[in-house]
Amino acid sequence: MSDEKKEGEDLESNNPLLRKIAKLRLASAKNMEEAGAEGPLKSGVDLLRDDIIADTIARHPRAKREDILKGMIDMGF
């Protein structure tokens, strides 16, 4: 099965986590394409972590990325 077909299936999945990761992958690929960047895409888990960190910082502007990452690691994510 090709990555493109799987990604399309994930966008329509009943699983909200798979849908979220698929949307993040599409956005990341689009941003890399617009910037002209080359290289491997981040994994779905890394994209999800980055999204959680961005949401947390939006809700708590004084939060630091490093502290959030440490907390996520401490919680096993």
N, C-alpha and C. Protein backbone atom coordinates (compact mmCIF):
# COMPACT_ATOMS: atom_id res chain seq x y z
N MET A 1 0.86 -1.18 0.00
CA MET A 1 0.00 0.00 0.00
C MET A 1 0.90 1.23 0.00
N SER A 2 0.59 2.19 -0.84
CA SER A 2 1.40 3.40 -0.93
C SER A 2 1.10 4.33 0.24
N ASP A 3 2.08 5.18 0.56
CA ASP A 3 1.91 6.14 1.65
C ASP A 3 0.78 7.11 1.35
N GLU A 4 0.64 7.49 0.07
CA GLU A 4 -0.40 8.44 -0.30
C GLU A 4 -1.79 7.85 -0.07
N LYS A 5 -1.97 6.59 -0.45
CA LYS A 5 -3.27 5.94 -0.25
C LYS A 5 -3.56 5.79 1.24
N LYS A 6 -2.55 5.38 2.02
CA LYS A 6 -2.74 5.20 3.46
C LYS A 6 -3.09 6.54 4.11
N GLU A 7 -2.42 7.61 3.69
CA GLU A 7 -2.67 8.93 4.26
C GLU A 7 -4.11 9.36 3.97
N GLY A 8 -4.60 9.10 2.77
CA GLY A 8 -5.98 9.43 2.43
C GLY A 8 -6.96 8.65 3.27
N GLU A 9 -6.62 7.38 3.52
CA GLU A 9 -7.48 6.56 4.37
C GLU A 9 -7.47 7.08 5.81
N ASP A 10 -6.31 7.53 6.28
CA ASP A 10 -6.21 8.06 7.65
C ASP A 10 -7.02 9.34 7.81
N LEU A 11 -7.10 10.15 6.78
CA LEU A 11 -7.89 11.38 6.85
C LEU A 11 -9.37 11.08 7.03
N GLU A 12 -9.80 9.92 6.56
CA GLU A 12 -11.20 9.53 6.66
C GLU A 12 -11.44 8.50 7.76
N SER A 13 -10.44 8.23 8.55
CA SER A 13 -10.53 7.21 9.60
C SER A 13 -11.53 7.60 10.68
N ASN A 14 -12.08 6.60 11.34
CA ASN A 14 -12.94 6.85 12.50
C ASN A 14 -12.11 7.20 13.73
N ASN A 15 -10.83 6.92 13.68
CA ASN A 15 -9.92 7.18 14.80
C ASN A 15 -9.47 8.64 14.75
N PRO A 16 -9.84 9.46 15.74
CA PRO A 16 -9.49 10.88 15.70
C PRO A 16 -7.98 11.12 15.76
N LEU A 17 -7.23 10.24 16.41
CA LEU A 17 -5.78 10.41 16.49
C LEU A 17 -5.15 10.20 15.12
N LEU A 18 -5.59 9.19 14.38
CA LEU A 18 -5.07 8.98 13.03
C LEU A 18 -5.42 10.14 12.11
N ARG A 19 -6.63 10.67 12.24
CA ARG A 19 -7.03 11.83 11.43
C ARG A 19 -6.14 13.03 11.75
N LYS A 20 -5.88 13.28 13.03
CA LYS A 20 -5.05 14.41 13.45
C LYS A 20 -3.63 14.28 12.89
N ILE A 21 -3.04 13.09 13.01
CA ILE A 21 -1.69 12.87 12.50
C ILE A 21 -1.65 13.04 10.98
N ALA A 22 -2.65 12.53 10.28
CA ALA A 22 -2.69 12.69 8.82
C ALA A 22 -2.76 14.16 8.43
N LYS A 23 -3.58 14.94 9.14
CA LYS A 23 -3.67 16.38 8.86
C LYS A 23 -2.35 17.09 9.14
N LEU A 24 -1.69 16.71 10.23
CA LEU A 24 -0.40 17.31 10.56
C LEU A 24 0.66 16.96 9.51
N ARG A 25 0.63 15.72 9.01
CA ARG A 25 1.58 15.30 7.96
C ARG A 25 1.36 16.10 6.69
N LEU A 26 0.12 16.28 6.31
CA LEU A 26 -0.18 17.06 5.10
C LEU A 26 0.30 18.50 5.26
N ALA A 27 0.02 19.09 6.40
CA ALA A 27 0.45 20.47 6.65
C ALA A 27 1.97 20.59 6.65
N SER A 28 2.65 19.62 7.25
CA SER A 28 4.10 19.64 7.30
C SER A 28 4.69 19.50 5.89
N ALA A 29 4.15 18.59 5.11
CA ALA A 29 4.64 18.40 3.74
C ALA A 29 4.42 19.66 2.91
N LYS A 30 3.27 20.30 3.09
CA LYS A 30 2.97 21.53 2.36
C LYS A 30 3.94 22.64 2.76
N ASN A 31 4.20 22.78 4.06
CA ASN A 31 5.13 23.81 4.54
C ASN A 31 6.54 23.58 4.00
N MET A 32 6.97 22.31 3.99
CA MET A 32 8.31 22.00 3.46
C MET A 32 8.38 22.30 1.97
N GLU A 33 7.31 21.99 1.26
CA GLU A 33 7.27 22.24 -0.18
C GLU A 33 7.31 23.74 -0.46
N GLU A 34 6.54 24.52 0.30
CA GLU A 34 6.52 25.98 0.11
C GLU A 34 7.86 26.60 0.44
N ALA A 35 8.55 26.07 1.45
CA ALA A 35 9.84 26.61 1.84
C ALA A 35 10.97 26.10 0.95
N GLY A 36 10.67 25.10 0.13
CA GLY A 36 11.70 24.53 -0.73
C GLY A 36 12.66 23.65 0.03
N ALA A 37 12.27 23.23 1.21
CA ALA A 37 13.12 22.38 2.04
C ALA A 37 13.06 20.94 1.57
N GLU A 38 14.17 20.26 1.74
CA GLU A 38 14.22 18.85 1.40
C GLU A 38 14.62 18.06 2.62
N GLY A 39 14.36 16.78 2.58
CA GLY A 39 14.73 15.93 3.70
C GLY A 39 13.55 15.13 4.18
N PRO A 40 13.80 14.28 5.13
CA PRO A 40 12.72 13.41 5.62
C PRO A 40 11.70 14.20 6.44
N LEU A 41 10.45 13.77 6.34
CA LEU A 41 9.40 14.37 7.15
C LEU A 41 9.51 13.83 8.57
N LYS A 42 9.01 14.60 9.52
CA LYS A 42 8.98 14.14 10.90
C LYS A 42 7.99 12.99 11.02
N SER A 43 8.20 12.16 12.02
CA SER A 43 7.27 11.06 12.25
C SER A 43 5.95 11.62 12.78
N GLY A 44 4.91 10.81 12.72
CA GLY A 44 3.60 11.23 13.21
C GLY A 44 3.63 11.61 14.68
N VAL A 45 4.41 10.88 15.47
CA VAL A 45 4.49 11.17 16.91
C VAL A 45 5.18 12.51 17.14
N ASP A 46 6.24 12.78 16.38
CA ASP A 46 6.93 14.07 16.53
C ASP A 46 6.02 15.23 16.13
N LEU A 47 5.25 15.04 15.06
CA LEU A 47 4.31 16.08 14.65
C LEU A 47 3.24 16.30 15.70
N LEU A 48 2.77 15.22 16.30
CA LEU A 48 1.76 15.32 17.34
C LEU A 48 2.33 16.03 18.57
N ARG A 49 3.56 15.69 18.95
CA ARG A 49 4.22 16.39 20.08
C ARG A 49 4.32 17.88 19.81
N ASP A 50 4.79 18.24 18.60
CA ASP A 50 4.93 19.65 18.25
C ASP A 50 3.59 20.38 18.32
N ASP A 51 2.53 19.72 17.88
CA ASP A 51 1.20 20.32 17.91
C ASP A 51 0.72 20.53 19.35
N ILE A 52 0.97 19.53 20.20
CA ILE A 52 0.59 19.66 21.61
C ILE A 52 1.36 20.79 22.27
N ILE A 53 2.64 20.90 21.96
CA ILE A 53 3.47 21.97 22.53
C ILE A 53 2.96 23.33 22.07
N ALA A 54 2.66 23.45 20.77
CA ALA A 54 2.15 24.73 20.25
C ALA A 54 0.83 25.10 20.91
N ASP A 55 -0.07 24.13 21.08
CA ASP A 55 -1.34 24.40 21.75
C ASP A 55 -1.14 24.82 23.19
N THR A 56 -0.22 24.15 23.88
CA THR A 56 0.05 24.47 25.29
C THR A 56 0.63 25.87 25.43
N ILE A 57 1.56 26.23 24.56
CA ILE A 57 2.16 27.56 24.60
C ILE A 57 1.12 28.63 24.28
N ALA A 58 0.18 28.32 23.37
CA ALA A 58 -0.88 29.28 23.05
C ALA A 58 -1.77 29.54 24.26
N ARG A 59 -2.01 28.48 25.06
CA ARG A 59 -2.86 28.64 26.25
C ARG A 59 -2.08 29.19 27.44
N HIS A 60 -0.78 28.93 27.47
CA HIS A 60 0.08 29.37 28.58
C HIS A 60 1.32 30.05 28.00
N PRO A 61 1.22 31.33 27.66
CA PRO A 61 2.31 32.03 26.96
C PRO A 61 3.66 32.01 27.66
N ARG A 62 3.67 31.87 28.97
CA ARG A 62 4.96 31.85 29.68
C ARG A 62 5.60 30.46 29.71
N ALA A 63 4.90 29.47 29.22
CA ALA A 63 5.44 28.10 29.20
C ALA A 63 6.63 28.03 28.23
N LYS A 64 7.60 27.22 28.58
CA LYS A 64 8.78 27.04 27.75
C LYS A 64 8.72 25.66 27.10
N ARG A 65 9.12 25.62 25.85
CA ARG A 65 9.10 24.37 25.08
C ARG A 65 9.84 23.24 25.81
N GLU A 66 11.00 23.55 26.35
CA GLU A 66 11.81 22.55 27.03
C GLU A 66 11.08 21.97 28.24
N ASP A 67 10.41 22.83 29.00
CA ASP A 67 9.67 22.37 30.18
C ASP A 67 8.49 21.48 29.78
N ILE A 68 7.82 21.85 28.70
CA ILE A 68 6.69 21.05 28.23
C ILE A 68 7.19 19.68 27.75
N LEU A 69 8.29 19.67 26.99
CA LEU A 69 8.85 18.41 26.53
C LEU A 69 9.28 17.52 27.69
N LYS A 70 9.90 18.12 28.71
CA LYS A 70 10.31 17.35 29.88
C LYS A 70 9.09 16.74 30.57
N GLY A 71 8.03 17.53 30.70
CA GLY A 71 6.80 17.02 31.31
C GLY A 71 6.19 15.88 30.50
N MET A 72 6.24 16.01 29.18
CA MET A 72 5.71 14.96 28.33
C MET A 72 6.53 13.67 28.46
N ILE A 73 7.84 13.82 28.54
CA ILE A 73 8.71 12.66 28.71
C ILE A 73 8.46 12.02 30.07
N ASP A 74 8.30 12.85 31.11
CA ASP A 74 8.03 12.33 32.46
C ASP A 74 6.70 11.55 32.49
N MET A 75 5.74 11.96 31.66
CA MET A 75 4.45 11.27 31.61
C MET A 75 4.47 10.06 30.67
N GLY A 76 5.58 9.85 29.98
CA GLY A 76 5.71 8.70 29.09
C GLY A 76 5.28 8.94 27.67
N PHE A 77 5.21 10.19 27.27
CA PHE A 77 4.81 10.49 25.89
C PHE A 77 6.00 10.98 25.13
